[in-house]
Amino acid sequence: MAAPIKTIKKEVLSEEQITTQKLASLKKLVTDNDRAVTQILTLIGELDSIGALEAANKMLEAKEEVANIALGQLTSKPVTNMINNMMGAAGALAELDPAVTTKLVAGLMSGVDEANKAIETTDKISKLKLIKMMNDPDVNRAMNFGIHFLKGLGSNLK
């Protein structure tokens, strides 16, 4: 029968052995990813040639001043208004039915196309022609939509 283990010897590496292991690991990593490393070094070289690295270093050196300026700009009234407007618009868009939005955008695009065609002609719309156009189902549908849109808008503006 084997003798029981009474002590566990922990292998303690010297600084030199740790450095050697790290270098071997780094060498393998660079070898395995040589293409990516080349691209990164090329990118860094390009950034250095246009002065972007120097600018980034200067910004890091002045990080407190840059942070104060950035925070000052972010808390200014126009920026907070813009953020609030974007949040309000995002909330409104989140409540819209995507199918209705798609249909509305398609209708707007079609309307813009028709309007562009009409601009190219020199025809005037007389009162009689306007009345006849109201009988067109497409025009009537758009007018009905517009009137009800205005009614809903007005009721929320109270």
N, C-alpha and C. Protein backbone atom coordinates (compact mmCIF):
# COMPACT_ATOMS: atom_id res chain seq x y z
N MET A 1 0.82 -1.16 0.00
CA MET A 1 0.00 0.00 0.00
C MET A 1 0.88 1.25 0.00
N ALA A 2 0.40 2.31 -0.68
CA ALA A 2 1.19 3.54 -0.80
C ALA A 2 1.10 4.34 0.48
N ALA A 3 2.13 5.14 0.70
CA ALA A 3 2.15 5.99 1.89
C ALA A 3 1.24 7.19 1.67
N PRO A 4 0.52 7.61 2.70
CA PRO A 4 -0.39 8.76 2.55
C PRO A 4 0.39 10.06 2.34
N ILE A 5 -0.28 10.99 1.62
CA ILE A 5 0.33 12.29 1.35
C ILE A 5 0.14 13.15 2.60
N LYS A 6 1.24 13.64 3.11
CA LYS A 6 1.15 14.44 4.34
C LYS A 6 1.38 15.92 4.07
N THR A 7 2.08 16.24 2.99
CA THR A 7 2.34 17.64 2.67
C THR A 7 2.13 17.85 1.19
N ILE A 8 1.69 19.07 0.86
CA ILE A 8 1.53 19.45 -0.54
C ILE A 8 2.54 20.53 -0.81
N LYS A 9 3.37 20.29 -1.79
CA LYS A 9 4.39 21.27 -2.13
C LYS A 9 3.84 22.19 -3.21
N LYS A 10 3.78 23.45 -2.87
CA LYS A 10 3.31 24.45 -3.83
C LYS A 10 4.52 25.00 -4.56
N GLU A 11 4.43 24.94 -5.89
CA GLU A 11 5.55 25.42 -6.70
C GLU A 11 5.47 26.94 -6.79
N VAL A 12 6.48 27.60 -6.29
CA VAL A 12 6.54 29.06 -6.32
C VAL A 12 7.48 29.45 -7.44
N LEU A 13 6.94 30.22 -8.40
CA LEU A 13 7.73 30.63 -9.55
C LEU A 13 8.48 31.92 -9.23
N SER A 14 9.66 32.00 -9.75
CA SER A 14 10.44 33.22 -9.58
C SER A 14 9.92 34.27 -10.57
N GLU A 15 10.31 35.51 -10.33
CA GLU A 15 9.91 36.61 -11.23
C GLU A 15 10.36 36.32 -12.65
N GLU A 16 11.52 35.76 -12.80
CA GLU A 16 12.06 35.46 -14.13
C GLU A 16 11.23 34.39 -14.83
N GLN A 17 10.79 33.37 -14.08
CA GLN A 17 9.97 32.31 -14.66
C GLN A 17 8.59 32.85 -15.07
N ILE A 18 8.04 33.71 -14.21
CA ILE A 18 6.74 34.32 -14.53
C ILE A 18 6.86 35.16 -15.79
N THR A 19 7.91 35.96 -15.90
CA THR A 19 8.14 36.79 -17.08
C THR A 19 8.30 35.92 -18.32
N THR A 20 9.04 34.83 -18.21
CA THR A 20 9.25 33.92 -19.34
C THR A 20 7.92 33.31 -19.79
N GLN A 21 7.08 32.91 -18.84
CA GLN A 21 5.77 32.34 -19.19
C GLN A 21 4.89 33.37 -19.88
N LYS A 22 4.89 34.60 -19.36
CA LYS A 22 4.08 35.65 -19.97
C LYS A 22 4.55 35.97 -21.37
N LEU A 23 5.87 36.02 -21.57
CA LEU A 23 6.40 36.28 -22.92
C LEU A 23 6.04 35.17 -23.88
N ALA A 24 6.11 33.92 -23.42
CA ALA A 24 5.75 32.79 -24.28
C ALA A 24 4.28 32.85 -24.66
N SER A 25 3.43 33.21 -23.67
CA SER A 25 2.00 33.33 -23.94
C SER A 25 1.72 34.46 -24.92
N LEU A 26 2.39 35.60 -24.73
CA LEU A 26 2.22 36.74 -25.63
C LEU A 26 2.71 36.41 -27.03
N LYS A 27 3.83 35.71 -27.13
CA LYS A 27 4.39 35.33 -28.44
C LYS A 27 3.41 34.43 -29.19
N LYS A 28 2.80 33.48 -28.48
CA LYS A 28 1.82 32.59 -29.11
C LYS A 28 0.59 33.37 -29.57
N LEU A 29 0.13 34.29 -28.73
CA LEU A 29 -1.03 35.11 -29.07
C LEU A 29 -0.77 35.95 -30.31
N VAL A 30 0.40 36.57 -30.39
CA VAL A 30 0.76 37.38 -31.56
C VAL A 30 0.87 36.50 -32.79
N THR A 31 1.47 35.33 -32.64
CA THR A 31 1.63 34.42 -33.78
C THR A 31 0.28 33.94 -34.29
N ASP A 32 -0.62 33.62 -33.37
CA ASP A 32 -1.94 33.12 -33.77
C ASP A 32 -2.80 34.20 -34.42
N ASN A 33 -2.54 35.46 -34.06
CA ASN A 33 -3.37 36.56 -34.56
C ASN A 33 -2.53 37.59 -35.32
N ASP A 34 -1.59 37.12 -36.12
CA ASP A 34 -0.66 38.03 -36.78
C ASP A 34 -1.35 39.02 -37.71
N ARG A 35 -2.40 38.60 -38.38
CA ARG A 35 -3.11 39.50 -39.30
C ARG A 35 -3.78 40.65 -38.53
N ALA A 36 -4.45 40.30 -37.43
CA ALA A 36 -5.12 41.32 -36.62
C ALA A 36 -4.10 42.28 -36.01
N VAL A 37 -2.98 41.75 -35.53
CA VAL A 37 -1.95 42.60 -34.94
C VAL A 37 -1.39 43.56 -35.98
N THR A 38 -1.19 43.07 -37.20
CA THR A 38 -0.69 43.93 -38.28
C THR A 38 -1.68 45.05 -38.58
N GLN A 39 -2.96 44.71 -38.64
CA GLN A 39 -3.98 45.73 -38.90
C GLN A 39 -4.04 46.76 -37.78
N ILE A 40 -3.92 46.31 -36.53
CA ILE A 40 -3.94 47.24 -35.40
C ILE A 40 -2.75 48.18 -35.46
N LEU A 41 -1.58 47.63 -35.74
CA LEU A 41 -0.38 48.47 -35.82
C LEU A 41 -0.47 49.45 -36.99
N THR A 42 -1.04 49.03 -38.11
CA THR A 42 -1.24 49.93 -39.25
C THR A 42 -2.20 51.05 -38.86
N LEU A 43 -3.29 50.69 -38.19
CA LEU A 43 -4.26 51.68 -37.75
C LEU A 43 -3.62 52.68 -36.79
N ILE A 44 -2.85 52.20 -35.85
CA ILE A 44 -2.18 53.09 -34.89
C ILE A 44 -1.20 54.00 -35.62
N GLY A 45 -0.49 53.45 -36.60
CA GLY A 45 0.43 54.27 -37.38
C GLY A 45 -0.29 55.38 -38.13
N GLU A 46 -1.45 55.07 -38.71
CA GLU A 46 -2.23 56.08 -39.42
C GLU A 46 -2.75 57.15 -38.46
N LEU A 47 -3.23 56.72 -37.31
CA LEU A 47 -3.71 57.68 -36.32
C LEU A 47 -2.57 58.60 -35.85
N ASP A 48 -1.39 58.03 -35.72
CA ASP A 48 -0.24 58.84 -35.31
C ASP A 48 0.15 59.82 -36.40
N SER A 49 0.09 59.38 -37.65
CA SER A 49 0.51 60.25 -38.75
C SER A 49 -0.42 61.46 -38.93
N ILE A 50 -1.69 61.33 -38.56
CA ILE A 50 -2.61 62.47 -38.69
C ILE A 50 -2.70 63.27 -37.39
N GLY A 51 -1.98 62.85 -36.36
CA GLY A 51 -1.95 63.59 -35.11
C GLY A 51 -3.05 63.22 -34.14
N ALA A 52 -3.82 62.18 -34.44
CA ALA A 52 -4.94 61.80 -33.57
C ALA A 52 -4.45 61.23 -32.25
N LEU A 53 -3.35 60.50 -32.26
CA LEU A 53 -2.83 59.94 -31.02
C LEU A 53 -2.35 61.04 -30.08
N GLU A 54 -1.69 62.02 -30.64
CA GLU A 54 -1.21 63.14 -29.81
C GLU A 54 -2.40 63.88 -29.21
N ALA A 55 -3.43 64.09 -30.01
CA ALA A 55 -4.63 64.78 -29.51
C ALA A 55 -5.29 63.96 -28.40
N ALA A 56 -5.37 62.65 -28.58
CA ALA A 56 -5.95 61.79 -27.55
C ALA A 56 -5.13 61.83 -26.27
N ASN A 57 -3.80 61.82 -26.41
CA ASN A 57 -2.92 61.91 -25.23
C ASN A 57 -3.12 63.22 -24.49
N LYS A 58 -3.22 64.32 -25.24
CA LYS A 58 -3.43 65.63 -24.62
C LYS A 58 -4.78 65.67 -23.91
N MET A 59 -5.80 65.06 -24.50
CA MET A 59 -7.11 65.02 -23.86
C MET A 59 -7.05 64.20 -22.57
N LEU A 60 -6.30 63.11 -22.59
CA LEU A 60 -6.17 62.30 -21.37
C LEU A 60 -5.43 63.06 -20.28
N GLU A 61 -4.42 63.83 -20.68
CA GLU A 61 -3.68 64.63 -19.71
C GLU A 61 -4.59 65.69 -19.08
N ALA A 62 -5.50 66.23 -19.87
CA ALA A 62 -6.40 67.28 -19.38
C ALA A 62 -7.79 66.72 -19.11
N LYS A 63 -7.86 65.47 -18.65
CA LYS A 63 -9.15 64.79 -18.52
C LYS A 63 -10.14 65.50 -17.60
N GLU A 64 -9.66 66.10 -16.51
CA GLU A 64 -10.58 66.80 -15.62
C GLU A 64 -11.18 68.03 -16.29
N GLU A 65 -10.36 68.78 -16.99
CA GLU A 65 -10.87 69.97 -17.68
C GLU A 65 -11.85 69.57 -18.78
N VAL A 66 -11.49 68.53 -19.54
CA VAL A 66 -12.36 68.05 -20.63
C VAL A 66 -13.68 67.54 -20.05
N ALA A 67 -13.62 66.81 -18.93
CA ALA A 67 -14.84 66.30 -18.31
C ALA A 67 -15.73 67.44 -17.83
N ASN A 68 -15.11 68.47 -17.26
CA ASN A 68 -15.91 69.62 -16.80
C ASN A 68 -16.59 70.33 -17.97
N ILE A 69 -15.86 70.50 -19.07
CA ILE A 69 -16.44 71.14 -20.25
C ILE A 69 -17.57 70.29 -20.82
N ALA A 70 -17.32 68.97 -20.93
CA ALA A 70 -18.35 68.07 -21.48
C ALA A 70 -19.60 68.07 -20.61
N LEU A 71 -19.42 68.00 -19.29
CA LEU A 71 -20.58 68.02 -18.40
C LEU A 71 -21.32 69.35 -18.48
N GLY A 72 -20.56 70.44 -18.61
CA GLY A 72 -21.19 71.74 -18.76
C GLY A 72 -22.04 71.82 -20.02
N GLN A 73 -21.53 71.23 -21.10
CA GLN A 73 -22.28 71.23 -22.35
C GLN A 73 -23.51 70.33 -22.27
N LEU A 74 -23.34 69.17 -21.63
CA LEU A 74 -24.46 68.22 -21.54
C LEU A 74 -25.58 68.74 -20.67
N THR A 75 -25.26 69.57 -19.69
CA THR A 75 -26.30 70.07 -18.80
C THR A 75 -26.85 71.42 -19.25
N SER A 76 -26.43 71.90 -20.41
CA SER A 76 -26.96 73.18 -20.90
C SER A 76 -28.41 72.99 -21.35
N LYS A 77 -29.16 74.07 -21.31
CA LYS A 77 -30.60 74.04 -21.62
C LYS A 77 -30.90 73.46 -23.01
N PRO A 78 -30.18 73.87 -24.08
CA PRO A 78 -30.52 73.30 -25.39
C PRO A 78 -30.31 71.78 -25.47
N VAL A 79 -29.26 71.30 -24.81
CA VAL A 79 -28.99 69.86 -24.87
C VAL A 79 -30.03 69.09 -24.07
N THR A 80 -30.39 69.59 -22.89
CA THR A 80 -31.41 68.89 -22.11
C THR A 80 -32.76 68.93 -22.83
N ASN A 81 -33.06 70.05 -23.50
CA ASN A 81 -34.30 70.12 -24.30
C ASN A 81 -34.27 69.08 -25.42
N MET A 82 -33.13 68.96 -26.10
CA MET A 82 -33.01 68.00 -27.19
C MET A 82 -33.20 66.57 -26.67
N ILE A 83 -32.57 66.26 -25.54
CA ILE A 83 -32.70 64.91 -24.96
C ILE A 83 -34.15 64.64 -24.57
N ASN A 84 -34.79 65.63 -23.94
CA ASN A 84 -36.20 65.45 -23.56
C ASN A 84 -37.09 65.28 -24.79
N ASN A 85 -36.83 66.05 -25.85
CA ASN A 85 -37.62 65.91 -27.08
C ASN A 85 -37.41 64.53 -27.72
N MET A 86 -36.17 64.07 -27.73
CA MET A 86 -35.89 62.75 -28.30
C MET A 86 -36.58 61.65 -27.50
N MET A 87 -36.58 61.79 -26.17
CA MET A 87 -37.25 60.79 -25.34
C MET A 87 -38.76 60.82 -25.57
N GLY A 88 -39.31 62.03 -25.71
CA GLY A 88 -40.75 62.15 -25.98
C GLY A 88 -41.11 61.55 -27.33
N ALA A 89 -40.29 61.84 -28.34
CA ALA A 89 -40.54 61.29 -29.68
C ALA A 89 -40.39 59.77 -29.67
N ALA A 90 -39.39 59.27 -28.96
CA ALA A 90 -39.19 57.82 -28.89
C ALA A 90 -40.38 57.16 -28.20
N GLY A 91 -40.89 57.78 -27.16
CA GLY A 91 -42.06 57.24 -26.47
C GLY A 91 -43.28 57.22 -27.37
N ALA A 92 -43.45 58.30 -28.14
CA ALA A 92 -44.59 58.35 -29.07
C ALA A 92 -44.45 57.30 -30.16
N LEU A 93 -43.24 57.15 -30.70
CA LEU A 93 -43.03 56.15 -31.74
C LEU A 93 -43.22 54.73 -31.20
N ALA A 94 -42.89 54.52 -29.94
CA ALA A 94 -43.05 53.18 -29.35
C ALA A 94 -44.52 52.81 -29.24
N GLU A 95 -45.39 53.81 -29.10
CA GLU A 95 -46.82 53.53 -28.98
C GLU A 95 -47.52 53.34 -30.32
N LEU A 96 -46.89 53.76 -31.41
CA LEU A 96 -47.51 53.63 -32.72
C LEU A 96 -47.47 52.18 -33.20
N ASP A 97 -48.52 51.79 -33.89
CA ASP A 97 -48.57 50.46 -34.51
C ASP A 97 -47.67 50.47 -35.74
N PRO A 98 -46.68 49.55 -35.80
CA PRO A 98 -45.74 49.56 -36.94
C PRO A 98 -46.42 49.41 -38.29
N ALA A 99 -47.50 48.65 -38.36
CA ALA A 99 -48.20 48.47 -39.64
C ALA A 99 -48.82 49.80 -40.09
N VAL A 100 -49.38 50.54 -39.14
CA VAL A 100 -49.98 51.83 -39.48
C VAL A 100 -48.88 52.82 -39.89
N THR A 101 -47.78 52.80 -39.17
CA THR A 101 -46.67 53.69 -39.50
C THR A 101 -46.14 53.39 -40.90
N THR A 102 -45.98 52.12 -41.24
CA THR A 102 -45.51 51.73 -42.56
C THR A 102 -46.47 52.21 -43.63
N LYS A 103 -47.77 52.03 -43.38
CA LYS A 103 -48.79 52.46 -44.34
C LYS A 103 -48.77 53.98 -44.51
N LEU A 104 -48.62 54.71 -43.39
CA LEU A 104 -48.59 56.16 -43.43
C LEU A 104 -47.36 56.67 -44.19
N VAL A 105 -46.21 56.07 -43.93
CA VAL A 105 -44.98 56.50 -44.63
C VAL A 105 -45.09 56.20 -46.12
N ALA A 106 -45.64 55.04 -46.47
CA ALA A 106 -45.82 54.71 -47.89
C ALA A 106 -46.77 55.71 -48.54
N GLY A 107 -47.84 56.08 -47.83
CA GLY A 107 -48.77 57.08 -48.35
C GLY A 107 -48.10 58.43 -48.52
N LEU A 108 -47.27 58.83 -47.55
CA LEU A 108 -46.54 60.10 -47.67
C LEU A 108 -45.62 60.10 -48.88
N MET A 109 -44.93 59.00 -49.10
CA MET A 109 -44.01 58.92 -50.24
C MET A 109 -44.78 58.99 -51.55
N SER A 110 -45.92 58.30 -51.60
CA SER A 110 -46.75 58.35 -52.80
C SER A 110 -47.28 59.76 -53.02
N GLY A 111 -47.69 60.43 -51.92
CA GLY A 111 -48.18 61.80 -52.03
C GLY A 111 -47.09 62.75 -52.51
N VAL A 112 -45.87 62.57 -52.04
CA VAL A 112 -44.76 63.41 -52.48
C VAL A 112 -44.50 63.19 -53.97
N ASP A 113 -44.57 61.95 -54.43
CA ASP A 113 -44.38 61.66 -55.86
C ASP A 113 -45.45 62.36 -56.70
N GLU A 114 -46.70 62.25 -56.26
CA GLU A 114 -47.80 62.90 -56.99
C GLU A 114 -47.62 64.41 -56.98
N ALA A 115 -47.22 64.97 -55.85
CA ALA A 115 -47.02 66.42 -55.75
C ALA A 115 -45.90 66.87 -56.68
N ASN A 116 -44.83 66.09 -56.78
CA ASN A 116 -43.72 66.44 -57.68
C ASN A 116 -44.17 66.41 -59.14
N LYS A 117 -45.02 65.45 -59.48
CA LYS A 117 -45.55 65.40 -60.85
C LYS A 117 -46.40 66.64 -61.12
N ALA A 118 -47.21 67.04 -60.14
CA ALA A 118 -48.10 68.19 -60.31
C ALA A 118 -47.30 69.49 -60.45
N ILE A 119 -46.17 69.58 -59.76
CA ILE A 119 -45.34 70.78 -59.83
C ILE A 119 -44.77 70.97 -61.23
N GLU A 120 -44.50 69.88 -61.91
CA GLU A 120 -43.90 69.94 -63.25
C GLU A 120 -44.89 70.46 -64.30
N THR A 121 -46.17 70.40 -64.00
CA THR A 121 -47.16 70.91 -64.96
C THR A 121 -47.52 72.34 -64.60
N THR A 122 -48.06 73.03 -65.57
CA THR A 122 -48.46 74.44 -65.34
C THR A 122 -49.97 74.56 -65.20
N ASP A 123 -50.66 73.44 -65.06
CA ASP A 123 -52.12 73.47 -64.93
C ASP A 123 -52.52 74.17 -63.63
N LYS A 124 -53.55 75.01 -63.75
CA LYS A 124 -54.12 75.65 -62.57
C LYS A 124 -55.32 74.83 -62.12
N ILE A 125 -55.54 74.85 -60.83
CA ILE A 125 -56.71 74.14 -60.30
C ILE A 125 -57.81 75.18 -60.09
N SER A 126 -58.87 75.01 -60.86
CA SER A 126 -60.01 75.93 -60.72
C SER A 126 -60.90 75.43 -59.58
N LYS A 127 -61.86 76.25 -59.19
CA LYS A 127 -62.77 75.87 -58.13
C LYS A 127 -63.58 74.64 -58.53
N LEU A 128 -63.99 74.61 -59.78
CA LEU A 128 -64.77 73.47 -60.27
C LEU A 128 -63.93 72.19 -60.25
N LYS A 129 -62.65 72.31 -60.68
CA LYS A 129 -61.76 71.15 -60.69
C LYS A 129 -61.52 70.67 -59.26
N LEU A 130 -61.40 71.59 -58.32
CA LEU A 130 -61.20 71.24 -56.91
C LEU A 130 -62.42 70.47 -56.37
N ILE A 131 -63.60 70.94 -56.73
CA ILE A 131 -64.82 70.26 -56.29
C ILE A 131 -64.90 68.86 -56.90
N LYS A 132 -64.54 68.74 -58.18
CA LYS A 132 -64.54 67.42 -58.84
C LYS A 132 -63.52 66.49 -58.19
N MET A 133 -62.35 67.07 -57.80
CA MET A 133 -61.31 66.24 -57.19
C MET A 133 -61.76 65.70 -55.83
N MET A 134 -62.66 66.42 -55.15
CA MET A 134 -63.15 65.95 -53.85
C MET A 134 -63.98 64.68 -54.00
N ASN A 135 -64.49 64.44 -55.21
CA ASN A 135 -65.24 63.21 -55.46
C ASN A 135 -64.33 62.02 -55.74
N ASP A 136 -63.07 62.28 -56.00
CA ASP A 136 -62.10 61.19 -56.21
C ASP A 136 -61.94 60.45 -54.87
N PRO A 137 -62.10 59.11 -54.87
CA PRO A 137 -62.04 58.36 -53.60
C PRO A 137 -60.69 58.52 -52.87
N ASP A 138 -59.61 58.61 -53.61
CA ASP A 138 -58.30 58.77 -52.97
C ASP A 138 -58.17 60.13 -52.31
N VAL A 139 -58.60 61.18 -53.00
CA VAL A 139 -58.55 62.53 -52.45
C VAL A 139 -59.48 62.62 -51.25
N ASN A 140 -60.66 62.03 -51.37
CA ASN A 140 -61.63 62.07 -50.28
C ASN A 140 -61.08 61.34 -49.06
N ARG A 141 -60.44 60.20 -49.27
CA ARG A 141 -59.85 59.43 -48.18
C ARG A 141 -58.78 60.26 -47.46
N ALA A 142 -57.92 60.94 -48.23
CA ALA A 142 -56.86 61.76 -47.65
C ALA A 142 -57.44 62.95 -46.89
N MET A 143 -58.49 63.56 -47.45
CA MET A 143 -59.12 64.69 -46.76
C MET A 143 -59.79 64.23 -45.47
N ASN A 144 -60.43 63.06 -45.51
CA ASN A 144 -61.07 62.51 -44.32
C ASN A 144 -60.00 62.24 -43.25
N PHE A 145 -58.91 61.66 -43.66
CA PHE A 145 -57.80 61.40 -42.74
C PHE A 145 -57.28 62.71 -42.15
N GLY A 146 -57.08 63.70 -43.00
CA GLY A 146 -56.55 64.99 -42.55
C GLY A 146 -57.48 65.69 -41.57
N ILE A 147 -58.76 65.67 -41.87
CA ILE A 147 -59.74 66.33 -40.99
C ILE A 147 -59.79 65.65 -39.63
N HIS A 148 -59.79 64.30 -39.63
CA HIS A 148 -59.82 63.59 -38.36
C HIS A 148 -58.49 63.72 -37.61
N PHE A 149 -57.41 63.82 -38.34
CA PHE A 149 -56.10 64.07 -37.72
C PHE A 149 -56.14 65.41 -37.00
N LEU A 150 -56.64 66.43 -37.69
CA LEU A 150 -56.73 67.76 -37.09
C LEU A 150 -57.66 67.77 -35.88
N LYS A 151 -58.76 66.99 -35.95
CA LYS A 151 -59.68 66.90 -34.82
C LYS A 151 -58.98 66.29 -33.61
N GLY A 152 -58.24 65.21 -33.82
CA GLY A 152 -57.51 64.59 -32.70
C GLY A 152 -56.42 65.49 -32.16
N LEU A 153 -55.71 66.15 -33.04
CA LEU A 153 -54.68 67.09 -32.62
C LEU A 153 -55.28 68.22 -31.79
N GLY A 154 -56.37 68.77 -32.28
CA GLY A 154 -57.02 69.87 -31.57
C GLY A 154 -57.54 69.47 -30.21
N SER A 155 -58.09 68.27 -30.11
CA SER A 155 -58.63 67.84 -28.81
C SER A 155 -57.52 67.67 -27.78
N ASN A 156 -56.32 67.31 -28.22
CA ASN A 156 -55.20 67.17 -27.29
C ASN A 156 -54.51 68.49 -26.98
N LEU A 157 -54.82 69.52 -27.74
CA LEU A 157 -54.21 70.83 -27.51
C LEU A 157 -54.99 71.66 -26.51
N LYS A 158 -56.13 71.15 -26.02
CA LYS A 158 -56.95 71.91 -25.06
C LYS A 158 -56.15 72.23 -23.82
